[in-house]
């Protein structure tokens, strides 16, 4: 049983590594992160205690990083 779990774990690690090496993965991740950006219909509030502009800046930086990673992978 332990050997089976180890084999599955190794397979999952390999599949994750291959997936993260594709531009499509990083573009999809950027799209997922973009769903967290504020929309015009949102009402501002202090849900998390984290200043909204800092949260948006951090989220946008992560989105940009994902898109940059996709662009670099497309060059190769």
C-alpha atoms as a PDB file:
ATOM      1  CA  UNK A   1       0.000   0.000   0.000  1.00  0.00           C
ATOM      2  CA  UNK A   2       2.807   2.413   0.840  1.00  0.00           C
ATOM      3  CA  UNK A   3       4.517   1.716  -2.503  1.00  0.00           C
ATOM      4  CA  UNK A   4       1.302   2.508  -4.367  1.00  0.00           C
ATOM      5  CA  UNK A   5       0.951   5.851  -2.599  1.00  0.00           C
ATOM      6  CA  UNK A   6       4.562   6.697  -3.375  1.00  0.00           C
ATOM      7  CA  UNK A   7       4.104   5.819  -7.046  1.00  0.00           C
ATOM      8  CA  UNK A   8       0.981   7.953  -7.236  1.00  0.00           C
ATOM      9  CA  UNK A   9       2.761  10.822  -5.498  1.00  0.00           C
ATOM     10  CA  UNK A  10       5.671  10.602  -7.946  1.00  0.00           C
ATOM     11  CA  UNK A  11       3.261  10.547 -10.896  1.00  0.00           C
ATOM     12  CA  UNK A  12       1.365  13.569  -9.571  1.00  0.00           C
ATOM     13  CA  UNK A  13       4.594  15.524  -9.066  1.00  0.00           C
ATOM     14  CA  UNK A  14       5.689  14.742 -12.610  1.00  0.00           C
ATOM     15  CA  UNK A  15       2.303  15.717 -14.073  1.00  0.00           C
ATOM     16  CA  UNK A  16       2.261  18.981 -12.105  1.00  0.00           C
ATOM     17  CA  UNK A  17       5.772  19.816 -13.298  1.00  0.00           C
ATOM     18  CA  UNK A  18       4.880  19.180 -16.920  1.00  0.00           C
ATOM     19  CA  UNK A  19       1.700  21.213 -16.626  1.00  0.00           C
ATOM     20  CA  UNK A  20       3.493  24.167 -15.037  1.00  0.00           C
ATOM     21  CA  UNK A  21       5.943  24.134 -17.942  1.00  0.00           C
ATOM     22  CA  UNK A  22       3.172  25.140 -20.368  1.00  0.00           C
ATOM     23  CA  UNK A  23       2.126  28.665 -21.267  1.00  0.00           C
ATOM     24  CA  UNK A  24      -1.527  27.646 -21.212  1.00  0.00           C
ATOM     25  CA  UNK A  25      -1.260  26.770 -17.509  1.00  0.00           C
ATOM     26  CA  UNK A  26       0.064  30.241 -16.638  1.00  0.00           C
ATOM     27  CA  UNK A  27      -2.510  32.017 -18.797  1.00  0.00           C
ATOM     28  CA  UNK A  28      -5.277  30.038 -17.093  1.00  0.00           C
ATOM     29  CA  UNK A  29      -3.811  30.886 -13.686  1.00  0.00           C
ATOM     30  CA  UNK A  30      -3.762  34.590 -14.584  1.00  0.00           C
ATOM     31  CA  UNK A  31      -7.441  34.357 -15.549  1.00  0.00           C
ATOM     32  CA  UNK A  32      -8.250  32.657 -12.242  1.00  0.00           C
ATOM     33  CA  UNK A  33      -6.473  35.375 -10.292  1.00  0.00           C
ATOM     34  CA  UNK A  34      -8.207  38.093 -12.318  1.00  0.00           C
ATOM     35  CA  UNK A  35     -11.569  36.933 -10.962  1.00  0.00           C
ATOM     36  CA  UNK A  36     -10.435  38.350  -7.616  1.00  0.00           C
ATOM     37  CA  UNK A  37     -10.052  41.883  -8.950  1.00  0.00           C
ATOM     38  CA  UNK A  38     -12.747  44.335  -7.888  1.00  0.00           C
ATOM     39  CA  UNK A  39     -15.657  44.849 -10.278  1.00  0.00           C
ATOM     40  CA  UNK A  40     -17.496  48.131 -10.828  1.00  0.00           C
ATOM     41  CA  UNK A  41     -20.544  46.689  -9.069  1.00  0.00           C
ATOM     42  CA  UNK A  42     -18.598  45.798  -5.907  1.00  0.00           C
ATOM     43  CA  UNK A  43     -19.130  47.857  -2.797  1.00  0.00           C
ATOM     44  CA  UNK A  44     -15.866  48.670  -1.026  1.00  0.00           C
ATOM     45  CA  UNK A  45     -15.478  47.428   2.487  1.00  0.00           C
ATOM     46  CA  UNK A  46     -12.919  46.205   4.941  1.00  0.00           C
ATOM     47  CA  UNK A  47     -13.569  42.472   4.936  1.00  0.00           C
ATOM     48  CA  UNK A  48     -10.020  41.326   5.493  1.00  0.00           C
ATOM     49  CA  UNK A  49      -8.490  44.285   7.247  1.00  0.00           C
ATOM     50  CA  UNK A  50      -5.942  44.424   4.411  1.00  0.00           C
ATOM     51  CA  UNK A  51      -6.077  47.799   2.589  1.00  0.00           C
ATOM     52  CA  UNK A  52      -7.955  47.344  -0.685  1.00  0.00           C
ATOM     53  CA  UNK A  53      -5.430  49.153  -2.872  1.00  0.00           C
ATOM     54  CA  UNK A  54      -2.592  46.972  -1.560  1.00  0.00           C
ATOM     55  CA  UNK A  55      -4.627  43.813  -2.158  1.00  0.00           C
ATOM     56  CA  UNK A  56      -5.424  44.911  -5.716  1.00  0.00           C
ATOM     57  CA  UNK A  57      -1.777  45.836  -6.376  1.00  0.00           C
ATOM     58  CA  UNK A  58      -0.557  42.467  -5.093  1.00  0.00           C
ATOM     59  CA  UNK A  59      -3.179  40.623  -7.117  1.00  0.00           C
ATOM     60  CA  UNK A  60      -2.327  42.570 -10.272  1.00  0.00           C
ATOM     61  CA  UNK A  61       1.374  41.858  -9.741  1.00  0.00           C
ATOM     62  CA  UNK A  62       0.622  38.119  -9.508  1.00  0.00           C
ATOM     63  CA  UNK A  63      -1.506  38.287 -12.666  1.00  0.00           C
ATOM     64  CA  UNK A  64       1.261  40.115 -14.521  1.00  0.00           C
ATOM     65  CA  UNK A  65       3.838  37.571 -13.313  1.00  0.00           C
ATOM     66  CA  UNK A  66       1.719  34.687 -14.623  1.00  0.00           C
ATOM     67  CA  UNK A  67       1.286  36.372 -17.991  1.00  0.00           C
ATOM     68  CA  UNK A  68       5.012  37.113 -18.187  1.00  0.00           C
ATOM     69  CA  UNK A  69       5.806  33.486 -17.388  1.00  0.00           C
ATOM     70  CA  UNK A  70       3.466  32.392 -20.209  1.00  0.00           C
ATOM     71  CA  UNK A  71       5.150  34.815 -22.614  1.00  0.00           C
ATOM     72  CA  UNK A  72       8.619  33.506 -21.727  1.00  0.00           C
ATOM     73  CA  UNK A  73       7.490  29.908 -22.202  1.00  0.00           C
ATOM     74  CA  UNK A  74       6.042  30.774 -25.613  1.00  0.00           C
ATOM     75  CA  UNK A  75       9.446  32.143 -26.703  1.00  0.00           C
ATOM     76  CA  UNK A  76      11.116  28.760 -26.255  1.00  0.00           C
END
